[in-house]
PDB file of N, CA and C in Angstrom:
ATOM      1  N   MET A   1      -7.103   6.503  -3.938  1.00  0.00           N
ATOM      2  CA  MET A   1      -5.514   6.192  -4.446  1.00  0.00           C
ATOM      3  C   MET A   1      -4.717   6.043  -3.007  1.00  0.00           C
ATOM      4  N   LEU A   2      -5.149   6.458  -2.102  1.00  0.00           N
ATOM      5  CA  LEU A   2      -3.899   6.217  -1.010  1.00  0.00           C
ATOM      6  C   LEU A   2      -3.816   5.022  -0.683  1.00  0.00           C
ATOM      7  N   ARG A   3      -5.165   4.403  -0.314  1.00  0.00           N
ATOM      8  CA  ARG A   3      -5.420   2.972  -0.040  1.00  0.00           C
ATOM      9  C   ARG A   3      -4.272   2.275  -0.767  1.00  0.00           C
ATOM     10  N   GLU A   4      -4.631   2.245  -2.421  1.00  0.00           N
ATOM     11  CA  GLU A   4      -3.616   1.412  -3.000  1.00  0.00           C
ATOM     12  C   GLU A   4      -2.156   1.726  -2.789  1.00  0.00           C
ATOM     13  N   LEU A   5      -1.773   3.002  -2.834  1.00  0.00           N
ATOM     14  CA  LEU A   5      -0.477   3.114  -2.437  1.00  0.00           C
ATOM     15  C   LEU A   5       0.251   2.925  -1.170  1.00  0.00           C
ATOM     16  N   MET A   6      -0.673   2.607  -0.166  1.00  0.00           N
ATOM     17  CA  MET A   6      -0.211   1.808   1.152  1.00  0.00           C
ATOM     18  C   MET A   6      -0.283   0.618   0.864  1.00  0.00           C
ATOM     19  N   ILE A   7      -1.313  -0.206  -0.027  1.00  0.00           N
ATOM     20  CA  ILE A   7      -1.050  -1.541  -0.347  1.00  0.00           C
ATOM     21  C   ILE A   7       0.329  -1.777  -1.079  1.00  0.00           C
ATOM     22  N   LEU A   8       0.360  -0.973  -1.771  1.00  0.00           N
ATOM     23  CA  LEU A   8       1.523  -1.196  -2.712  1.00  0.00           C
ATOM     24  C   LEU A   8       2.720  -1.383  -2.091  1.00  0.00           C
ATOM     25  N   ARG A   9       3.188  -0.238  -0.943  1.00  0.00           N
ATOM     26  CA  ARG A   9       3.959   0.131  -0.045  1.00  0.00           C
ATOM     27  C   ARG A   9       4.191  -1.716   0.720  1.00  0.00           C
ATOM     28  N   THR A  10       3.160  -1.750   1.168  1.00  0.00           N
ATOM     29  CA  THR A  10       3.028  -3.167   2.012  1.00  0.00           C
ATOM     30  C   THR A  10       3.972  -4.075   1.211  1.00  0.00           C
ATOM     31  N   ALA A  11       3.226  -4.445  -0.247  1.00  0.00           N
ATOM     32  CA  ALA A  11       3.718  -5.373  -1.041  1.00  0.00           C
ATOM     33  C   ALA A  11       5.403  -5.233  -1.203  1.00  0.00           C
ATOM     34  N   ASN A  12       5.743  -4.165  -1.285  1.00  0.00           N
ATOM     35  CA  ASN A  12       7.066  -3.839  -1.592  1.00  0.00           C
ATOM     36  C   ASN A  12       7.783  -4.788  -0.407  1.00  0.00           C
ATOM     37  N   VAL A  13       7.510  -4.087   0.829  1.00  0.00           N
ATOM     38  CA  VAL A  13       8.205  -4.120   2.126  1.00  0.00           C
ATOM     39  C   VAL A  13       8.197  -5.561   2.204  1.00  0.00           C
ATOM     40  N   MET A  14       6.930  -6.114   2.385  1.00  0.00           N
ATOM     41  CA  MET A  14       6.696  -7.742   2.641  1.00  0.00           C
ATOM     42  C   MET A  14       7.069  -8.700   1.665  1.00  0.00           C
ATOM     43  N   ARG A  15       7.801  -8.155   0.701  1.00  0.00           N
ATOM     44  CA  ARG A  15       8.171  -8.947  -0.583  1.00  0.00           C
ATOM     45  C   ARG A  15       6.898  -9.788  -0.831  1.00  0.00           C
ATOM     46  N   SER A  16       5.448  -9.123  -1.113  1.00  0.00           N
ATOM     47  CA  SER A  16       4.200 -10.133  -1.759  1.00  0.00           C
ATOM     48  C   SER A  16       4.089  -9.594  -3.193  1.00  0.00           C
ATOM     49  N   ASP A  17       4.702 -10.860  -3.849  1.00  0.00           N
ATOM     50  CA  ASP A  17       4.604 -10.167  -5.288  1.00  0.00           C
ATOM     51  C   ASP A  17       2.935 -10.781  -5.629  1.00  0.00           C
ATOM     52  N   TYR A  18       1.933 -11.512  -5.068  1.00  0.00           N
ATOM     53  CA  TYR A  18       0.885 -11.712  -4.943  1.00  0.00           C
ATOM     54  C   TYR A  18      -0.083 -10.011  -5.042  1.00  0.00           C
ATOM     55  N   GLU A  19       0.332  -9.442  -3.793  1.00  0.00           N
ATOM     56  CA  GLU A  19      -0.386  -8.130  -3.706  1.00  0.00           C
ATOM     57  C   GLU A  19       0.022  -7.217  -4.668  1.00  0.00           C
ATOM     58  N   TRP A  20       1.283  -7.118  -4.611  1.00  0.00           N
ATOM     59  CA  TRP A  20       1.881  -6.299  -5.823  1.00  0.00           C
ATOM     60  C   TRP A  20       1.192  -6.453  -7.173  1.00  0.00           C
ATOM     61  N   HIS A  21       1.158  -7.708  -7.594  1.00  0.00           N
ATOM     62  CA  HIS A  21       0.515  -8.052  -9.012  1.00  0.00           C
ATOM     63  C   HIS A  21      -0.672  -7.743  -8.555  1.00  0.00           C
ATOM     64  N   GLN A  22      -1.631  -8.152  -8.019  1.00  0.00           N
ATOM     65  CA  GLN A  22      -3.068  -7.594  -7.560  1.00  0.00           C
ATOM     66  C   GLN A  22      -3.336  -6.054  -7.679  1.00  0.00           C
ATOM     67  N   HIS A  23      -2.764  -5.185  -7.258  1.00  0.00           N
ATOM     68  CA  HIS A  23      -3.044  -3.871  -6.933  1.00  0.00           C
ATOM     69  C   HIS A  23      -1.996  -2.869  -7.781  1.00  0.00           C
ATOM     70  N   ARG A  24      -1.142  -3.470  -8.530  1.00  0.00           N
ATOM     71  CA  ARG A  24      -0.593  -2.650  -9.514  1.00  0.00           C
ATOM     72  C   ARG A  24      -1.491  -1.637 -10.401  1.00  0.00           C
ATOM     73  N   ASP A  25      -2.198  -2.469 -11.109  1.00  0.00           N
ATOM     74  CA  ASP A  25      -3.242  -2.012 -11.987  1.00  0.00           C
ATOM     75  C   ASP A  25      -4.448  -1.146 -11.255  1.00  0.00           C
ATOM     76  N   MET A  26      -4.778  -1.709 -10.029  1.00  0.00           N
ATOM     77  CA  MET A  26      -5.619  -1.174  -9.461  1.00  0.00           C
ATOM     78  C   MET A  26      -5.514   0.288  -8.872  1.00  0.00           C
ATOM     79  N   ALA A  27      -3.751   0.616  -8.255  1.00  0.00           N
ATOM     80  CA  ALA A  27      -3.622   1.894  -8.233  1.00  0.00           C
ATOM     81  C   ALA A  27      -3.294   2.459  -9.378  1.00  0.00           C
ATOM     82  N   HIS A  28      -3.227   2.153 -10.394  1.00  0.00           N
ATOM     83  CA  HIS A  28      -3.266   3.208 -11.720  1.00  0.00           C
ATOM     84  C   HIS A  28      -4.457   3.415 -12.042  1.00  0.00           C
ATOM     85  N   ARG A  29      -5.828   2.740 -11.662  1.00  0.00           N
ATOM     86  CA  ARG A  29      -7.017   2.916 -11.922  1.00  0.00           C
ATOM     87  C   ARG A  29      -7.725   3.685 -10.756  1.00  0.00           C
ATOM     88  N   ALA A  30      -7.128   3.988  -9.532  1.00  0.00           N
ATOM     89  CA  ALA A  30      -7.124   4.843  -9.104  1.00  0.00           C
ATOM     90  C   ALA A  30      -6.881   5.981  -9.088  1.00  0.00           C
ATOM     91  N   GLY A  31      -5.846   6.542  -9.890  1.00  0.00           N
ATOM     92  CA  GLY A  31      -5.274   7.771 -10.166  1.00  0.00           C
ATOM     93  C   GLY A  31      -3.792   7.730  -9.782  1.00  0.00           C
ATOM     94  N   ALA A  32      -3.043   6.846  -9.287  1.00  0.00           N
ATOM     95  CA  ALA A  32      -1.328   6.750  -9.141  1.00  0.00           C
ATOM     96  C   ALA A  32      -0.846   6.843 -10.575  1.00  0.00           C
ATOM     97  N   SER A  33       0.018   7.623 -10.306  1.00  0.00           N
ATOM     98  CA  SER A  33       0.938   7.666 -11.839  1.00  0.00           C
ATOM     99  C   SER A  33       1.605   6.468 -12.103  1.00  0.00           C
ATOM    100  N   VAL A  34       2.538   6.305 -13.235  1.00  0.00           N
ATOM    101  CA  VAL A  34       3.290   5.260 -13.426  1.00  0.00           C
ATOM    102  C   VAL A  34       4.438   5.388 -12.318  1.00  0.00           C
ATOM    103  N   GLU A  35       4.805   6.748 -12.222  1.00  0.00           N
ATOM    104  CA  GLU A  35       5.890   7.018 -11.665  1.00  0.00           C
ATOM    105  C   GLU A  35       5.940   7.132  -9.596  1.00  0.00           C
ATOM    106  N   GLN A  36       4.234   7.492  -9.502  1.00  0.00           N
ATOM    107  CA  GLN A  36       4.304   7.245  -8.021  1.00  0.00           C
ATOM    108  C   GLN A  36       4.205   5.385  -7.780  1.00  0.00           C
ATOM    109  N   VAL A  37       3.951   4.417  -8.649  1.00  0.00           N
ATOM    110  CA  VAL A  37       4.061   3.217  -8.397  1.00  0.00           C
ATOM    111  C   VAL A  37       5.406   2.745  -8.451  1.00  0.00           C
ATOM    112  N   ASP A  38       6.157   2.740  -9.548  1.00  0.00           N
ATOM    113  CA  ASP A  38       7.401   2.794  -9.636  1.00  0.00           C
ATOM    114  C   ASP A  38       8.674   2.931  -8.321  1.00  0.00           C
ATOM    115  N   ALA A  39       7.940   4.429  -7.559  1.00  0.00           N
ATOM    116  CA  ALA A  39       9.115   5.235  -6.670  1.00  0.00           C
ATOM    117  C   ALA A  39       8.423   4.339  -5.347  1.00  0.00           C
ATOM    118  N   VAL A  40       7.488   3.607  -5.141  1.00  0.00           N
ATOM    119  CA  VAL A  40       6.978   3.670  -3.887  1.00  0.00           C
ATOM    120  C   VAL A  40       8.187   2.837  -2.689  1.00  0.00           C
ATOM    121  N   SER A  41       9.015   2.111  -3.415  1.00  0.00           N
ATOM    122  CA  SER A  41      10.068   1.671  -2.680  1.00  0.00           C
ATOM    123  C   SER A  41      10.822   2.279  -1.929  1.00  0.00           C
ATOM    124  N   ALA A  42      10.892   3.872  -2.441  1.00  0.00           N
ATOM    125  CA  ALA A  42      11.843   4.683  -2.496  1.00  0.00           C
ATOM    126  C   ALA A  42      11.054   6.226  -2.347  1.00  0.00           C
ATOM    127  N   TRP A  43       9.884   5.988  -1.552  1.00  0.00           N
ATOM    128  CA  TRP A  43       8.925   7.203  -1.239  1.00  0.00           C
ATOM    129  C   TRP A  43       9.455   8.175  -0.785  1.00  0.00           C
ATOM    130  N   GLN A  44      10.281   7.949   0.171  1.00  0.00           N
ATOM    131  CA  GLN A  44      10.746   8.880   1.463  1.00  0.00           C
ATOM    132  C   GLN A  44      11.524   9.964   0.643  1.00  0.00           C
ATOM    133  N   THR A  45      12.337   9.572  -0.647  1.00  0.00           N
ATOM    134  CA  THR A  45      13.250  10.686  -1.438  1.00  0.00           C
ATOM    135  C   THR A  45      12.226  10.817  -2.419  1.00  0.00           C
ATOM    136  N   SER A  46      11.426  10.495  -3.145  1.00  0.00           N
ATOM    137  CA  SER A  46      10.789  10.598  -4.338  1.00  0.00           C
ATOM    138  C   SER A  46      10.381  12.053  -4.138  1.00  0.00           C
ATOM    139  N   GLU A  47       9.957  12.901  -5.499  1.00  0.00           N
ATOM    140  CA  GLU A  47       9.349  14.205  -5.494  1.00  0.00           C
ATOM    141  C   GLU A  47       8.162  13.783  -5.796  1.00  0.00           C
ATOM    142  N   CYS A  48       7.411  12.249  -6.326  1.00  0.00           N
ATOM    143  CA  CYS A  48       6.256  12.339  -6.778  1.00  0.00           C
ATOM    144  C   CYS A  48       4.791  12.456  -6.139  1.00  0.00           C
ATOM    145  N   TYR A  49       5.307  12.608  -4.756  1.00  0.00           N
ATOM    146  CA  TYR A  49       4.043  12.295  -3.525  1.00  0.00           C
ATOM    147  C   TYR A  49       3.849  13.566  -2.934  1.00  0.00           C
ATOM    148  N   SER A  50       2.196  13.837  -2.873  1.00  0.00           N
ATOM    149  CA  SER A  50       2.072  15.141  -2.043  1.00  0.00           C
ATOM    150  C   SER A  50       2.242  14.503  -0.333  1.00  0.00           C
ATOM    151  N   GLU A  51       2.193  15.538   0.197  1.00  0.00           N
ATOM    152  CA  GLU A  51       2.237  15.438   1.718  1.00  0.00           C
ATOM    153  C   GLU A  51       1.326  14.516   2.139  1.00  0.00           C
ATOM    154  N   ARG A  52       0.028  14.676   1.892  1.00  0.00           N
ATOM    155  CA  ARG A  52      -1.031  13.343   2.543  1.00  0.00           C
ATOM    156  C   ARG A  52      -0.687  12.422   2.098  1.00  0.00           C
ATOM    157  N   GLU A  53      -0.072  12.205   1.090  1.00  0.00           N
ATOM    158  CA  GLU A  53       0.320  10.966   0.349  1.00  0.00           C
ATOM    159  C   GLU A  53       1.379  10.264   1.272  1.00  0.00           C
ATOM    160  N   ARG A  54       2.955  11.047   1.601  1.00  0.00           N
ATOM    161  CA  ARG A  54       3.825  10.916   2.366  1.00  0.00           C
ATOM    162  C   ARG A  54       3.302  10.450   3.566  1.00  0.00           C
ATOM    163  N   ALA A  55       2.292  11.236   4.156  1.00  0.00           N
ATOM    164  CA  ALA A  55       1.830  10.784   5.754  1.00  0.00           C
ATOM    165  C   ALA A  55       1.077   9.480   5.667  1.00  0.00           C
ATOM    166  N   ALA A  56       0.521   9.058   4.638  1.00  0.00           N
ATOM    167  CA  ALA A  56      -0.023   7.524   4.551  1.00  0.00           C
ATOM    168  C   ALA A  56       1.189   6.584   4.188  1.00  0.00           C
ATOM    169  N   LEU A  57       1.849   6.841   3.633  1.00  0.00           N
ATOM    170  CA  LEU A  57       2.941   6.265   3.138  1.00  0.00           C
ATOM    171  C   LEU A  57       3.892   5.751   4.658  1.00  0.00           C
ATOM    172  N   MET A  58       3.950   6.751   5.408  1.00  0.00           N
ATOM    173  CA  MET A  58       4.931   6.975   6.607  1.00  0.00           C
ATOM    174  C   MET A  58       4.273   5.827   7.646  1.00  0.00           C
ATOM    175  N   LEU A  59       2.970   6.080   7.726  1.00  0.00           N
ATOM    176  CA  LEU A  59       1.998   5.369   8.882  1.00  0.00           C
ATOM    177  C   LEU A  59       2.461   4.037   8.419  1.00  0.00           C
ATOM    178  N   THR A  60       2.070   3.465   7.166  1.00  0.00           N
ATOM    179  CA  THR A  60       1.943   2.063   6.489  1.00  0.00           C
ATOM    180  C   THR A  60       3.636   1.731   6.908  1.00  0.00           C
ATOM    181  N   ASP A  61       4.447   2.509   6.918  1.00  0.00           N
ATOM    182  CA  ASP A  61       5.868   1.677   7.504  1.00  0.00           C
ATOM    183  C   ASP A  61       5.941   1.433   9.036  1.00  0.00           C
ATOM    184  N   ALA A  62       5.280   2.543   9.525  1.00  0.00           N
ATOM    185  CA  ALA A  62       5.280   2.536  11.277  1.00  0.00           C
ATOM    186  C   ALA A  62       4.473   1.255  11.566  1.00  0.00           C
ATOM    187  N   MET A  63       2.968   1.154  10.802  1.00  0.00           N
ATOM    188  CA  MET A  63       2.501  -0.166  10.796  1.00  0.00           C
ATOM    189  C   MET A  63       3.298  -1.341  10.813  1.00  0.00           C
ATOM    190  N   LEU A  64       4.150  -1.478   9.723  1.00  0.00           N
ATOM    191  CA  LEU A  64       4.631  -2.684   9.566  1.00  0.00           C
ATOM    192  C   LEU A  64       6.091  -3.076  10.481  1.00  0.00           C
ATOM    193  N   THR A  65       6.302  -1.836  11.247  1.00  0.00           N
ATOM    194  CA  THR A  65       7.481  -1.929  11.990  1.00  0.00           C
ATOM    195  C   THR A  65       6.744  -2.072  13.467  1.00  0.00           C
ATOM    196  N   GLY A  66       5.374  -2.384  13.617  1.00  0.00           N
ATOM    197  CA  GLY A  66       4.961  -2.429  14.746  1.00  0.00           C
ATOM    198  C   GLY A  66       4.674  -1.123  15.906  1.00  0.00           C
ATOM    199  N   HIS A  67       5.343  -0.190  15.160  1.00  0.00           N
ATOM    200  CA  HIS A  67       5.250   1.338  16.630  1.00  0.00           C
ATOM    201  C   HIS A  67       5.036   2.445  15.587  1.00  0.00           C
ATOM    202  N   VAL A  68       4.075   2.753  15.890  1.00  0.00           N
ATOM    203  CA  VAL A  68       3.537   4.176  15.481  1.00  0.00           C
ATOM    204  C   VAL A  68       3.712   5.129  16.424  1.00  0.00           C
ATOM    205  N   ASN A  69       4.924   6.092  16.507  1.00  0.00           N
ATOM    206  CA  ASN A  69       5.133   6.766  17.401  1.00  0.00           C
ATOM    207  C   ASN A  69       4.362   8.087  17.420  1.00  0.00           C
ATOM    208  N   ASP A  70       4.893   8.919  18.267  1.00  0.00           N
ATOM    209  CA  ASP A  70       4.133  10.380  18.209  1.00  0.00           C
ATOM    210  C   ASP A  70       4.298  11.155  17.111  1.00  0.00           C
ATOM    211  N   SER A  71       5.607  11.184  16.703  1.00  0.00           N
ATOM    212  CA  SER A  71       5.834  11.929  15.189  1.00  0.00           C
ATOM    213  C   SER A  71       4.769  11.642  13.975  1.00  0.00           C
ATOM    214  N   VAL A  72       4.469  10.058  13.623  1.00  0.00           N
ATOM    215  CA  VAL A  72       3.668  10.041  12.761  1.00  0.00           C
ATOM    216  C   VAL A  72       2.380  10.504  12.882  1.00  0.00           C
ATOM    217  N   GLN A  73       2.044  10.460  14.226  1.00  0.00           N
ATOM    218  CA  GLN A  73       0.723  10.708  14.392  1.00  0.00           C
ATOM    219  C   GLN A  73       0.510  11.889  14.397  1.00  0.00           C
ATOM    220  N   GLU A  74       1.363  12.753  14.674  1.00  0.00           N
ATOM    221  CA  GLU A  74       1.342  14.229  14.428  1.00  0.00           C
ATOM    222  C   GLU A  74       1.589  14.354  13.300  1.00  0.00           C
ATOM    223  N   VAL A  75       2.153  13.812  12.288  1.00  0.00           N
ATOM    224  CA  VAL A  75       1.943  14.110  10.645  1.00  0.00           C
ATOM    225  C   VAL A  75       0.496  13.615  10.255  1.00  0.00           C
ATOM    226  N   LEU A  76       0.083  12.807  10.882  1.00  0.00           N
ATOM    227  CA  LEU A  76      -1.055  12.368  10.423  1.00  0.00           C
ATOM    228  C   LEU A  76      -2.728  13.557  10.852  1.00  0.00           C
ATOM    229  N   ALA A  77      -2.133  14.040  12.003  1.00  0.00           N
ATOM    230  CA  ALA A  77      -3.373  14.879  12.397  1.00  0.00           C
ATOM    231  C   ALA A  77      -3.395  16.036  11.513  1.00  0.00           C
ATOM    232  N   ARG A  78      -1.923  16.355  10.873  1.00  0.00           N
ATOM    233  CA  ARG A  78      -2.281  17.661  10.267  1.00  0.00           C
ATOM    234  C   ARG A  78      -2.835  17.219   8.873  1.00  0.00           C
ATOM    235  N   HIS A  79      -3.007  15.950   8.393  1.00  0.00           N
ATOM    236  CA  HIS A  79      -3.781  16.065   7.199  1.00  0.00           C
ATOM    237  C   HIS A  79      -4.736  15.456   6.744  1.00  0.00           C
ATOM    238  N   PHE A  80      -4.813  14.591   8.224  1.00  0.00           N
ATOM    239  CA  PHE A  80      -6.524  13.672   7.995  1.00  0.00           C
ATOM    240  C   PHE A  80      -7.242  13.779   9.202  1.00  0.00           C
ATOM    241  N   SER A  81      -8.656  13.919   9.237  1.00  0.00           N
ATOM    242  CA  SER A  81      -9.259  13.986  10.270  1.00  0.00           C
ATOM    243  C   SER A  81      -9.295  12.760  11.323  1.00  0.00           C
ATOM    244  N   ASP A  82      -9.792  12.784  12.395  1.00  0.00           N
ATOM    245  CA  ASP A  82      -9.845  11.715  13.115  1.00  0.00           C
ATOM    246  C   ASP A  82     -10.705   9.940  12.360  1.00  0.00           C
ATOM    247  N   GLN A  83     -11.698  10.002  11.520  1.00  0.00           N
ATOM    248  CA  GLN A  83     -12.372   9.153  10.930  1.00  0.00           C
ATOM    249  C   GLN A  83     -11.576   8.703  10.083  1.00  0.00           C
ATOM    250  N   GLU A  84     -10.638   9.471   9.115  1.00  0.00           N
ATOM    251  CA  GLU A  84      -9.771   9.186   8.182  1.00  0.00           C
ATOM    252  C   GLU A  84      -8.539   8.362   8.538  1.00  0.00           C
ATOM    253  N   ARG A  85      -8.125   8.779   9.739  1.00  0.00           N
ATOM    254  CA  ARG A  85      -7.050   8.210  10.309  1.00  0.00           C
ATOM    255  C   ARG A  85      -7.180   6.924  10.833  1.00  0.00           C
ATOM    256  N   VAL A  86      -8.577   6.665  11.522  1.00  0.00           N
ATOM    257  CA  VAL A  86      -8.723   5.526  12.109  1.00  0.00           C
ATOM    258  C   VAL A  86      -8.720   4.350  10.542  1.00  0.00           C
ATOM    259  N   GLU A  87      -9.537   5.033   9.134  1.00  0.00           N
ATOM    260  CA  GLU A  87      -9.546   4.267   8.348  1.00  0.00           C
ATOM    261  C   GLU A  87      -8.658   3.920   7.604  1.00  0.00           C
ATOM    262  N   LEU A  88      -7.156   5.028   7.990  1.00  0.00           N
ATOM    263  CA  LEU A  88      -6.082   4.638   7.270  1.00  0.00           C
ATOM    264  C   LEU A  88      -5.071   3.669   8.181  1.00  0.00           C
ATOM    265  N   VAL A  89      -5.308   3.541   9.255  1.00  0.00           N
ATOM    266  CA  VAL A  89      -4.666   2.781  10.582  1.00  0.00           C
ATOM    267  C   VAL A  89      -5.317   1.203  10.474  1.00  0.00           C
ATOM    268  N   VAL A  90      -6.763   0.821   9.943  1.00  0.00           N
ATOM    269  CA  VAL A  90      -7.252  -0.164   9.748  1.00  0.00           C
ATOM    270  C   VAL A  90      -7.021  -0.859   8.424  1.00  0.00           C
ATOM    271  N   THR A  91      -6.939   0.378   7.346  1.00  0.00           N
ATOM    272  CA  THR A  91      -6.111  -0.481   6.115  1.00  0.00           C
ATOM    273  C   THR A  91      -4.695  -0.930   6.517  1.00  0.00           C
ATOM    274  N   ALA A  92      -3.790   0.033   7.276  1.00  0.00           N
ATOM    275  CA  ALA A  92      -2.392  -0.395   7.056  1.00  0.00           C
ATOM    276  C   ALA A  92      -2.499  -1.745   8.045  1.00  0.00           C
ATOM    277  N   GLY A  93      -3.100  -1.865   8.720  1.00  0.00           N
ATOM    278  CA  GLY A  93      -3.053  -3.003   9.579  1.00  0.00           C
ATOM    279  C   GLY A  93      -3.809  -4.260   9.132  1.00  0.00           C
ATOM    280  N   PHE A  94      -4.713  -4.121   8.426  1.00  0.00           N
ATOM    281  CA  PHE A  94      -5.248  -5.502   7.463  1.00  0.00           C
ATOM    282  C   PHE A  94      -4.224  -5.935   6.361  1.00  0.00           C
ATOM    283  N   TYR A  95      -3.554  -4.770   5.701  1.00  0.00           N
ATOM    284  CA  TYR A  95      -2.707  -5.269   4.632  1.00  0.00           C
ATOM    285  C   TYR A  95      -1.250  -5.605   5.055  1.00  0.00           C
ATOM    286  N   ALA A  96      -1.073  -5.326   6.348  1.00  0.00           N
ATOM    287  CA  ALA A  96       0.298  -5.748   6.682  1.00  0.00           C
ATOM    288  C   ALA A  96       0.014  -7.184   7.422  1.00  0.00           C
ATOM    289  N   MET A  97      -1.305  -7.847   7.309  1.00  0.00           N
ATOM    290  CA  MET A  97      -1.757  -9.211   7.701  1.00  0.00           C
ATOM    291  C   MET A  97      -1.720  -9.919   6.362  1.00  0.00           C
ATOM    292  N   VAL A  98      -2.467  -9.463   5.201  1.00  0.00           N
ATOM    293  CA  VAL A  98      -2.461 -10.285   4.270  1.00  0.00           C
ATOM    294  C   VAL A  98      -1.289 -10.936   3.655  1.00  0.00           C
ATOM    295  N   PRO A  99      -0.427 -10.315   3.765  1.00  0.00           N
ATOM    296  CA  PRO A  99       0.996 -10.681   3.029  1.00  0.00           C
ATOM    297  C   PRO A  99       1.744 -12.443   3.618  1.00  0.00           C
ATOM    298  N   ARG A 100       1.408 -12.025   5.116  1.00  0.00           N
ATOM    299  CA  ARG A 100       1.666 -13.000   5.880  1.00  0.00           C
ATOM    300  C   ARG A 100       0.663 -14.534   5.565  1.00  0.00           C
ATOM    301  N   VAL A 101      -0.466 -14.180   5.238  1.00  0.00           N
ATOM    302  CA  VAL A 101      -1.505 -14.987   5.059  1.00  0.00           C
ATOM    303  C   VAL A 101      -1.462 -15.801   3.715  1.00  0.00           C
ATOM    304  N   LEU A 102      -1.029 -15.001   2.802  1.00  0.00           N
ATOM    305  CA  LEU A 102      -1.054 -15.281   1.254  1.00  0.00           C
ATOM    306  C   LEU A 102       0.494 -16.266   1.570  1.00  0.00           C
ATOM    307  N   ASP A 103       1.511 -16.160   1.948  1.00  0.00           N
ATOM    308  CA  ASP A 103       3.082 -16.712   1.866  1.00  0.00           C
ATOM    309  C   ASP A 103       2.865 -17.945   2.625  1.00  0.00           C
ATOM    310  N   ALA A 104       2.165 -18.365   4.067  1.00  0.00           N
ATOM    311  CA  ALA A 104       1.823 -19.244   4.804  1.00  0.00           C
ATOM    312  C   ALA A 104       0.934 -20.232   4.097  1.00  0.00           C
ATOM    313  N   LEU A 105      -0.274 -19.668   3.130  1.00  0.00           N
ATOM    314  CA  LEU A 105      -0.869 -20.711   2.220  1.00  0.00           C
ATOM    315  C   LEU A 105      -0.526 -20.775   1.040  1.00  0.00           C
ATOM    316  N   ARG A 106       0.694 -20.287   0.703  1.00  0.00           N
ATOM    317  CA  ARG A 106       1.715 -20.219  -0.581  1.00  0.00           C
ATOM    318  C   ARG A 106       0.545 -19.962  -1.783  1.00  0.00           C
ATOM    319  N   VAL A 107      -0.408 -18.647  -1.670  1.00  0.00           N
ATOM    320  CA  VAL A 107      -1.330 -18.457  -2.627  1.00  0.00           C
ATOM    321  C   VAL A 107      -0.973 -18.338  -4.102  1.00  0.00           C
ATOM    322  N   PRO A 108      -1.411 -19.136  -5.094  1.00  0.00           N
ATOM    323  CA  PRO A 108      -0.239 -18.549  -6.285  1.00  0.00           C
ATOM    324  C   PRO A 108      -0.732 -17.382  -6.945  1.00  0.00           C
ATOM    325  N   ILE A 109       0.183 -16.509  -7.536  1.00  0.00           N
ATOM    326  CA  ILE A 109      -0.329 -15.512  -8.571  1.00  0.00           C
ATOM    327  C   ILE A 109      -1.159 -15.950  -9.644  1.00  0.00           C
ATOM    328  N   GLU A 110      -2.406 -15.015  -9.761  1.00  0.00           N
ATOM    329  CA  GLU A 110      -3.052 -15.692 -11.139  1.00  0.00           C
ATOM    330  C   GLU A 110      -2.772 -15.059 -12.349  1.00  0.00           C
ATOM    331  N   ASP A 111      -2.910 -16.138 -13.232  1.00  0.00           N
ATOM    332  CA  ASP A 111      -2.403 -15.434 -14.549  1.00  0.00           C
ATOM    333  C   ASP A 111      -3.753 -13.946 -14.897  1.00  0.00           C
ATOM    334  N   ALA A 112      -2.878 -12.920 -14.892  1.00  0.00           N
ATOM    335  CA  ALA A 112      -3.415 -11.873 -15.448  1.00  0.00           C
ATOM    336  C   ALA A 112      -3.905 -11.638 -16.724  1.00  0.00           C
ATOM    337  N   ARG A 113      -3.682 -12.644 -17.634  1.00  0.00           N
ATOM    338  CA  ARG A 113      -4.093 -12.785 -19.196  1.00  0.00           C
ATOM    339  C   ARG A 113      -5.760 -13.719 -19.309  1.00  0.00           C
ATOM    340  N   PRO A 114      -6.597 -13.350 -20.191  1.00  0.00           N
ATOM    341  CA  PRO A 114      -7.768 -13.920 -20.025  1.00  0.00           C
ATOM    342  C   PRO A 114      -7.643 -15.440 -20.549  1.00  0.00           C
ATOM    343  N   SER A 115      -8.336 -16.152 -20.457  1.00  0.00           N
ATOM    344  CA  SER A 115      -8.407 -17.852 -20.988  1.00  0.00           C
ATOM    345  C   SER A 115      -9.138 -17.772 -22.207  1.00  0.00           C
ATOM    346  N   PRO A 116      -8.379 -18.003 -23.278  1.00  0.00           N
ATOM    347  CA  PRO A 116      -9.015 -18.183 -24.632  1.00  0.00           C
ATOM    348  C   PRO A 116     -10.482 -18.662 -24.683  1.00  0.00           C
ATOM    349  N   PRO A 117     -11.543 -18.456 -25.307  1.00  0.00           N
ATOM    350  CA  PRO A 117     -12.861 -19.273 -25.113  1.00  0.00           C
ATOM    351  C   PRO A 117     -12.368 -20.484 -25.459  1.00  0.00           C
ATOM    352  N   THR A 118     -13.227 -21.334 -24.996  1.00  0.00           N
ATOM    353  CA  THR A 118     -13.404 -22.716 -25.531  1.00  0.00           C
ATOM    354  C   THR A 118     -14.343 -23.141 -26.299  1.00  0.00           C
ATOM    355  N   GLY A 119     -14.539 -23.940 -26.762  1.00  0.00           N
ATOM    356  CA  GLY A 119     -15.787 -24.609 -27.776  1.00  0.00           C
ATOM    357  C   GLY A 119     -15.130 -24.494 -29.255  1.00  0.00           C
TER     358      GLY A 119
END
């Protein structure tokens, strides 16, 4: 679920409708509540996130600005192992790149509805 919350935060900050569309339902399936998905734009003031979730979202914001300072590192260290922190950083870094590529290539949002049967 952390991965999906991080992706939604990135989609929100980067204004990536494609990523939002693709990952909103994935976040729900991974266990994120409707409230968590709806509050991702204001996660700092919302009470629906755990401390671990807040730490992951804090890292996401720091990665998007290009500076993960010592205070972010300290918060991460309280909640995640070294291996988990590497995974979170790689996730945040990858999904910071994805919306830029989607935008540059003008990738359209697929229709979420199934196509009607032919024949």
